[in-house]
Protein backbone atom coordinates (compact mmCIF):
# COMPACT_ATOMS: atom_id res chain seq x y z
CA ASP A 1 -0.06 -0.07 0.00
CA PHE A 2 1.27 3.36 -0.90
CA PHE A 3 0.28 5.06 2.20
CA ASN A 4 2.34 2.37 4.75
CA ARG A 5 5.50 2.53 2.54
CA VAL A 6 8.63 4.33 4.56
CA VAL A 7 10.91 6.17 2.16
CA ASP A 8 14.22 8.52 2.34
CA LEU A 9 13.14 11.72 0.95
CA GLN A 10 16.33 13.83 0.07
CA LEU A 11 15.88 17.62 1.13
CA PRO A 12 16.92 20.26 -1.46
CA GLY A 13 20.18 22.14 -0.71
CA ASP A 14 22.10 20.68 2.23
CA GLY A 15 19.22 19.53 4.42
CA GLY A 16 20.21 15.77 4.11
CA ALA A 17 17.88 13.12 3.92
CA CYS A 18 14.78 12.19 6.32
CA ARG A 19 12.60 9.31 6.54
CA VAL A 20 8.95 9.89 5.88
CA VAL A 21 5.53 8.35 5.07
CA PRO A 22 2.65 9.44 2.66
CA ARG A 23 -0.05 11.23 4.28
CA LYS A 24 -2.08 12.63 1.62
CA LEU A 25 -2.37 11.97 -2.11
CA GLU A 26 -4.00 14.66 -4.34
CA THR A 27 -4.72 13.87 -7.96
CA ASP A 28 -5.77 15.66 -11.23
CA PHE A 29 -9.76 14.95 -11.51
CA HIS A 30 -9.65 14.33 -15.23
CA THR A 31 -6.37 12.22 -15.72
CA THR A 32 -6.09 10.74 -12.06
CA ARG A 33 -2.56 11.52 -11.99
CA PRO A 34 -0.78 12.63 -8.94
CA THR A 35 -0.06 16.24 -8.32
CA HIS A 36 0.83 17.08 -4.67
CA VAL A 37 1.92 14.43 -2.00
CA THR A 38 1.67 15.65 1.76
CA PHE A 39 4.62 13.57 3.84
CA MET A 40 4.73 13.03 7.82
CA ARG A 41 8.25 12.57 9.19
CA TRP A 42 8.84 8.84 10.53
CA PRO A 43 10.57 8.88 13.81
CA VAL A 44 13.95 7.23 14.33
CA ASP A 45 13.44 5.42 17.24
CA LEU A 46 9.67 4.14 17.24
CA THR A 47 10.30 2.68 20.66
CA LYS A 48 10.07 6.16 21.96
CA ARG A 49 7.45 7.61 19.51
CA PRO A 50 5.31 4.95 18.22
CA ARG A 51 3.28 5.99 15.22
CA LYS A 52 -0.36 5.05 14.29
CA VAL A 53 -0.88 3.19 11.01
CA THR A 54 -3.71 2.10 8.96
CA ILE A 55 -2.99 -1.49 7.21
CA PRO A 56 -5.39 -2.78 4.66
CA ILE A 57 -7.11 -6.14 5.00
CA GLU A 58 -7.18 -8.21 1.73
CA LEU A 59 -9.40 -11.67 2.01
CA THR A 60 -7.57 -14.44 -0.07
CA ASN A 61 -8.93 -17.75 -1.39
CA GLU A 62 -12.78 -16.44 -1.13
CA ASP A 63 -13.40 -18.83 -3.83
CA LEU A 64 -12.32 -21.78 -2.09
CA CYS A 65 -14.51 -21.49 0.95
CA PRO A 66 -16.92 -24.41 1.37
CA GLY A 67 -19.64 -21.70 2.27
CA VAL A 68 -19.02 -19.81 -0.67
CA LYS A 69 -19.22 -22.82 -2.89
CA GLY A 70 -22.31 -23.79 -1.42
CA GLY A 71 -23.93 -20.83 -2.73
CA GLY A 72 -23.30 -18.52 0.19
CA PHE A 73 -21.40 -15.28 0.27
CA LEU A 74 -18.44 -13.66 2.48
CA TYR A 75 -19.33 -10.18 3.79
CA HIS A 76 -16.48 -8.32 4.19
CA ILE A 77 -16.98 -5.88 7.26
CA ILE A 78 -13.66 -4.84 8.21
CA ARG A 79 -11.51 -3.57 5.33
CA SER A 80 -8.44 -2.02 7.63
CA TRP A 81 -6.96 -2.17 10.82
CA ARG A 82 -5.20 0.73 12.66
CA PHE A 83 -2.48 0.17 15.59
CA LYS A 84 0.54 1.68 16.77
CA MET A 85 3.88 0.41 15.50
CA SER A 86 6.83 0.57 17.68
CA SER A 87 8.96 -1.34 15.08
CA GLU A 88 9.59 -1.51 11.36
CA PRO A 89 8.87 -2.73 8.89
CA ILE A 90 5.37 -1.88 8.36
CA PRO A 91 3.12 -4.78 7.66
CA ARG A 92 2.04 -5.22 4.00
CA ALA A 93 -0.80 -7.08 2.56
CA ARG A 94 0.46 -10.21 0.50
């Protein structure tokens, strides 16, 4: 997921680099191309300053479920899970 990726952002001039995560993405209405990204600094030590992140939940092998095969359906109520991160890397849906 784009919003759960920690990247090293190179700052202009002699600002060096800092670790960030994307916070907000703005896109062009007609082309859906990105026009602006807002970043949030990622702390060096997550044990002292944990961050809240949202991880998307993806269901796999739904078609192999005996209930679905028998004519039922799987109702996906929770689409993401929000929790505090105190270590890296951020979990990613597979």
